[in-house]
Amino acid sequence: MTTNFSLAIVDDDPRDRKMVFEKLADVFKTRQRTVRISSFPNAESYLIALKAGDVFDLTFLDIEMPGKDGITMAKELRTEGRKNRIVYVSNREDLVFDSLETKPFGFVRKSHFERDSDKVIDSFLETVKEEGKTVFLLVSEGRQINLSINEILYVESKGKKQFFHVQHQKDGLPTIRTMKDIKTELEDKGFLECYKGILVNFLHIKVIGDDSLQLKDGSILPLARRKSNEFRKEYMYLMQDRIQNIF
């Protein structure tokens, strides 16, 4: 057995929790991956576990639950800056697009879970594998730096230099590579031009305003009004594409 994962199931129906639990245990066993699965009868008990320090690699979340529903709970997690991977397990197909705002990993019809969960888990395992490979080689002031694509907030052009703004770093990392070259390399990796000389990673956008963007770290970037409509369309396309598994 290799690689230990921690999963969570949040569902108010004990029969559905049991069904999801047994299927997930079986899928991971056949793929020779060890897994710890925790079950929660409601959103509140799951949130308590998170605040106590529990970490889950993947959470299977029902939408319709007494008290706090699944989408409301997921929105709270995103507001807090938590990046929990969520797979909605529900027969409410009409809520697929409502769930987009919470950036879920997937959406599986509960009635098809036993049939389709294999595909979701395989996609999850492949994503974990690929995330370790997705890097951007940056040469900055004589240093070679391997940046994870996901940690890049935005790239900004100033004079003859471009600055990479990354998570958990106060100042931007300068490079003399041209913005044209950088845009060519990053445009198929979720980076959008919000203003002349500024590329933003769509993963870090929190709010799109009329003429500005707010990122999750609090940064404010300008949004060109002439680009606004097209920018929103491209952002929504990326958001929809982010849901890798809808069955």
Protein backbone atom coordinates (compact mmCIF):
# COMPACT_ATOMS: atom_id res chain seq x y z
CA MET A 1 0.00 0.00 0.00
CA THR A 2 1.26 3.53 -0.78
CA THR A 3 0.19 7.05 0.02
CA ASN A 4 -2.21 7.67 2.85
CA PHE A 5 -5.21 9.90 2.12
CA SER A 6 -7.84 11.31 4.45
CA LEU A 7 -11.41 11.62 3.18
CA ALA A 8 -14.61 13.03 4.68
CA ILE A 9 -18.25 12.24 4.00
CA VAL A 10 -20.86 14.82 5.02
CA ASP A 11 -24.43 13.60 4.64
CA ASP A 12 -27.46 13.59 6.95
CA ASP A 13 -28.73 10.22 5.63
CA PRO A 14 -26.97 7.31 7.43
CA ARG A 15 -27.74 4.90 4.59
CA ASP A 16 -26.11 7.20 2.05
CA ARG A 17 -23.10 7.75 4.31
CA LYS A 18 -22.67 3.97 4.56
CA MET A 19 -23.00 3.51 0.80
CA VAL A 20 -20.42 6.21 0.03
CA PHE A 21 -18.07 4.95 2.76
CA GLU A 22 -18.09 1.35 1.53
CA LYS A 23 -17.62 2.32 -2.11
CA LEU A 24 -14.72 4.68 -1.39
CA ALA A 25 -12.97 2.11 0.79
CA ASP A 26 -13.29 -0.43 -2.00
CA VAL A 27 -12.03 1.92 -4.74
CA PHE A 28 -8.92 2.92 -2.78
CA LYS A 29 -8.21 -0.69 -1.85
CA THR A 30 -8.27 -1.81 -5.48
CA ARG A 31 -5.85 1.02 -6.34
CA GLN A 32 -3.52 0.02 -3.50
CA ARG A 33 -3.86 3.33 -1.66
CA THR A 34 -4.39 3.50 2.08
CA VAL A 35 -7.18 5.78 3.18
CA ARG A 36 -8.82 7.07 6.36
CA ILE A 37 -12.51 7.94 5.96
CA SER A 38 -14.44 10.06 8.46
CA SER A 39 -18.23 10.48 8.36
CA PHE A 40 -20.26 13.48 9.54
CA PRO A 41 -24.08 13.74 9.82
CA ASN A 42 -24.16 17.49 9.18
CA ALA A 43 -22.12 20.51 8.16
CA GLU A 44 -21.71 21.72 11.73
CA SER A 45 -19.92 18.57 12.94
CA TYR A 46 -17.60 18.67 9.91
CA LEU A 47 -16.68 22.30 10.57
CA ILE A 48 -15.92 21.48 14.21
CA ALA A 49 -13.50 18.79 13.04
CA LEU A 50 -11.75 21.26 10.72
CA LYS A 51 -11.38 23.82 13.49
CA ALA A 52 -9.93 21.10 15.71
CA GLY A 53 -7.18 20.58 13.13
CA ASP A 54 -8.44 17.69 11.02
CA VAL A 55 -7.30 17.84 7.38
CA PHE A 56 -9.11 16.09 4.53
CA ASP A 57 -7.73 15.58 1.05
CA LEU A 58 -11.20 15.13 -0.44
CA THR A 59 -14.67 15.80 1.00
CA PHE A 60 -17.84 14.19 -0.36
CA LEU A 61 -20.60 16.63 0.45
CA ASP A 62 -24.37 16.33 0.25
CA ILE A 63 -26.14 19.54 -0.78
CA GLU A 64 -29.57 19.21 0.85
CA MET A 65 -29.15 18.83 4.61
CA PRO A 66 -31.06 20.13 7.63
CA GLY A 67 -29.49 23.23 9.10
CA LYS A 68 -26.60 24.40 6.97
CA ASP A 69 -26.78 23.06 3.40
CA GLY A 70 -23.71 21.90 1.51
CA ILE A 71 -23.27 24.88 -0.80
CA THR A 72 -23.61 27.36 2.08
CA MET A 73 -20.99 25.46 4.05
CA ALA A 74 -18.62 25.34 1.08
CA LYS A 75 -18.97 29.10 0.57
CA GLU A 76 -17.97 29.65 4.19
CA LEU A 77 -14.88 27.52 3.69
CA ARG A 78 -13.86 29.52 0.64
CA THR A 79 -14.46 32.80 2.47
CA GLU A 80 -12.10 31.59 5.19
CA GLY A 81 -9.50 30.81 2.55
CA ARG A 82 -9.75 27.03 2.95
CA LYS A 83 -9.03 25.06 -0.21
CA ASN A 84 -10.75 21.79 0.68
CA ARG A 85 -11.39 19.68 -2.42
CA ILE A 86 -15.13 19.10 -2.51
CA VAL A 87 -17.15 16.59 -4.51
CA TYR A 88 -20.88 17.21 -4.28
CA VAL A 89 -22.90 14.01 -4.05
CA SER A 90 -26.50 14.92 -4.85
CA ASN A 91 -29.39 14.20 -7.18
CA ARG A 92 -30.06 17.94 -7.49
CA GLU A 93 -28.57 18.35 -10.96
CA ASP A 94 -30.25 21.75 -11.19
CA LEU A 95 -27.76 23.01 -8.59
CA VAL A 96 -24.61 22.16 -10.54
CA PHE A 97 -24.08 25.73 -11.72
CA ASP A 98 -25.02 27.19 -8.34
CA SER A 99 -22.16 25.15 -6.93
CA LEU A 100 -19.60 26.66 -9.35
CA GLU A 101 -18.95 29.60 -7.04
CA THR A 102 -17.49 27.22 -4.47
CA LYS A 103 -15.00 25.76 -6.98
CA PRO A 104 -15.78 22.07 -6.38
CA PHE A 105 -13.61 19.25 -7.65
CA GLY A 106 -16.64 17.38 -8.91
CA PHE A 107 -20.35 16.71 -8.86
CA VAL A 108 -21.72 13.14 -8.79
CA ARG A 109 -25.35 12.11 -8.88
CA LYS A 110 -26.04 10.19 -5.69
CA SER A 111 -28.04 7.58 -7.58
CA HIS A 112 -24.98 6.88 -9.78
CA PHE A 113 -22.31 7.09 -7.10
CA GLU A 114 -21.49 3.38 -6.99
CA ARG A 115 -21.01 3.41 -10.75
CA ASP A 116 -19.16 6.71 -11.18
CA SER A 117 -17.04 7.07 -8.04
CA ASP A 118 -14.16 5.14 -9.67
CA LYS A 119 -13.76 7.90 -12.26
CA VAL A 120 -13.79 10.62 -9.62
CA ILE A 121 -11.11 8.90 -7.52
CA ASP A 122 -8.93 8.20 -10.54
CA SER A 123 -9.17 11.88 -11.50
CA PHE A 124 -8.28 12.87 -7.92
CA LEU A 125 -5.23 10.59 -7.86
CA GLU A 126 -4.08 11.90 -11.23
CA THR A 127 -4.55 15.50 -10.07
CA VAL A 128 -2.46 14.91 -6.95
CA LYS A 129 0.24 13.36 -9.13
CA GLU A 130 0.24 16.20 -11.67
CA GLU A 131 0.25 18.95 -9.05
CA GLY A 132 3.70 17.84 -8.06
CA LYS A 133 4.86 18.41 -11.65
CA THR A 134 3.24 21.75 -12.45
CA VAL A 135 6.06 24.25 -12.03
CA PHE A 136 7.21 27.46 -13.66
CA LEU A 137 10.98 27.97 -13.94
CA LEU A 138 11.71 31.59 -13.07
CA VAL A 139 15.13 33.20 -13.41
CA SER A 140 15.18 36.12 -11.00
CA GLU A 141 18.29 38.18 -10.23
CA GLY A 142 20.60 35.32 -11.14
CA ARG A 143 18.64 32.68 -9.22
CA GLN A 144 16.63 29.83 -10.69
CA ILE A 145 13.36 29.40 -8.82
CA ASN A 146 10.83 26.62 -9.35
CA LEU A 147 7.39 28.09 -8.70
CA SER A 148 4.22 26.05 -8.41
CA ILE A 149 1.73 27.49 -10.89
CA ASN A 150 -0.90 27.54 -8.14
CA GLU A 151 1.20 29.77 -5.86
CA ILE A 152 1.56 32.54 -8.46
CA LEU A 153 -1.00 35.28 -7.72
CA TYR A 154 -0.32 37.57 -10.67
CA VAL A 155 2.41 38.88 -12.95
CA GLU A 156 2.89 42.62 -13.37
CA SER A 157 4.93 44.56 -15.90
CA LYS A 158 6.95 47.55 -14.66
CA GLY A 159 9.34 49.18 -17.08
CA LYS A 160 11.67 46.58 -18.56
CA LYS A 161 11.02 44.03 -15.84
CA GLN A 162 8.12 41.75 -15.00
CA PHE A 163 7.35 40.93 -11.38
CA PHE A 164 5.91 37.61 -10.18
CA HIS A 165 3.76 38.06 -7.09
CA VAL A 166 3.49 34.79 -5.20
CA GLN A 167 1.80 33.54 -2.06
CA HIS A 168 3.45 34.24 1.28
CA GLN A 169 6.01 36.64 -0.19
CA LYS A 170 5.84 40.37 0.40
CA ASP A 171 7.72 41.61 -2.67
CA GLY A 172 7.40 40.55 -6.28
CA LEU A 173 10.14 38.46 -7.89
CA PRO A 174 11.67 40.38 -10.83
CA THR A 175 12.59 38.84 -14.18
CA ILE A 176 13.75 40.30 -17.49
CA ARG A 177 11.67 37.86 -19.54
CA THR A 178 9.21 39.70 -21.75
CA MET A 179 5.55 39.83 -20.85
CA LYS A 180 4.79 38.41 -24.30
CA ASP A 181 6.82 35.26 -23.56
CA ILE A 182 5.34 34.91 -20.09
CA LYS A 183 1.79 35.30 -21.43
CA THR A 184 2.42 32.63 -24.07
CA GLU A 185 3.60 30.19 -21.40
CA LEU A 186 0.87 30.91 -18.86
CA GLU A 187 -2.27 31.62 -20.90
CA ASP A 188 -3.26 27.94 -21.06
CA LYS A 189 -2.65 27.54 -17.32
CA GLY A 190 -5.49 29.73 -16.06
CA PHE A 191 -3.91 33.20 -16.32
CA LEU A 192 -6.04 36.05 -17.68
CA GLU A 193 -5.04 39.56 -18.72
CA CYS A 194 -7.16 41.89 -16.61
CA TYR A 195 -5.27 45.05 -17.58
CA LYS A 196 -2.43 45.90 -19.94
CA GLY A 197 0.70 44.39 -18.43
CA ILE A 198 -1.08 42.37 -15.71
CA LEU A 199 -1.81 38.63 -15.82
CA VAL A 200 -3.86 37.20 -12.95
CA ASN A 201 -4.23 33.58 -11.86
CA PHE A 202 -7.97 32.88 -11.94
CA LEU A 203 -7.63 30.53 -8.95
CA HIS A 204 -6.89 33.48 -6.67
CA ILE A 205 -9.74 35.78 -7.74
CA LYS A 206 -12.25 36.44 -4.97
CA VAL A 207 -14.40 39.27 -6.37
CA ILE A 208 -14.79 40.71 -9.88
CA GLY A 209 -15.94 44.31 -9.72
CA ASP A 210 -16.78 46.82 -12.45
CA ASP A 211 -13.22 48.10 -12.80
CA SER A 212 -11.16 46.07 -10.33
CA LEU A 213 -10.47 42.60 -8.96
CA GLN A 214 -10.01 41.55 -5.37
CA LEU A 215 -7.77 38.55 -4.79
CA LYS A 216 -8.09 36.15 -1.88
CA ASP A 217 -5.01 37.60 -0.21
CA GLY A 218 -6.57 41.08 -0.26
CA SER A 219 -4.68 42.43 -3.28
CA ILE A 220 -6.60 44.79 -5.57
CA LEU A 221 -5.89 44.78 -9.30
CA PRO A 222 -7.34 47.02 -12.01
CA LEU A 223 -9.76 45.58 -14.55
CA ALA A 224 -9.98 47.37 -17.90
CA ARG A 225 -13.61 48.19 -18.63
CA ARG A 226 -13.15 47.30 -22.30
CA LYS A 227 -11.98 43.84 -21.20
CA SER A 228 -14.62 43.36 -18.52
CA ASN A 229 -17.21 41.31 -20.44
CA GLU A 230 -14.69 39.05 -22.16
CA PHE A 231 -12.76 38.64 -18.90
CA ARG A 232 -15.89 37.45 -17.08
CA LYS A 233 -16.70 34.99 -19.86
CA GLU A 234 -13.18 33.52 -19.78
CA TYR A 235 -13.28 33.34 -15.98
CA MET A 236 -16.60 31.45 -16.01
CA TYR A 237 -15.26 29.08 -18.65
CA LEU A 238 -12.26 28.28 -16.45
CA MET A 239 -14.51 27.88 -13.41
CA GLN A 240 -16.77 25.44 -15.24
CA ASP A 241 -13.79 23.54 -16.59
CA ARG A 242 -12.49 23.33 -13.01
CA ILE A 243 -15.30 20.91 -12.20
CA GLN A 244 -13.57 17.89 -13.66
CA ASN A 245 -16.22 15.28 -12.89
CA ILE A 246 -19.92 15.82 -13.46
CA PHE A 247 -21.95 12.61 -13.77
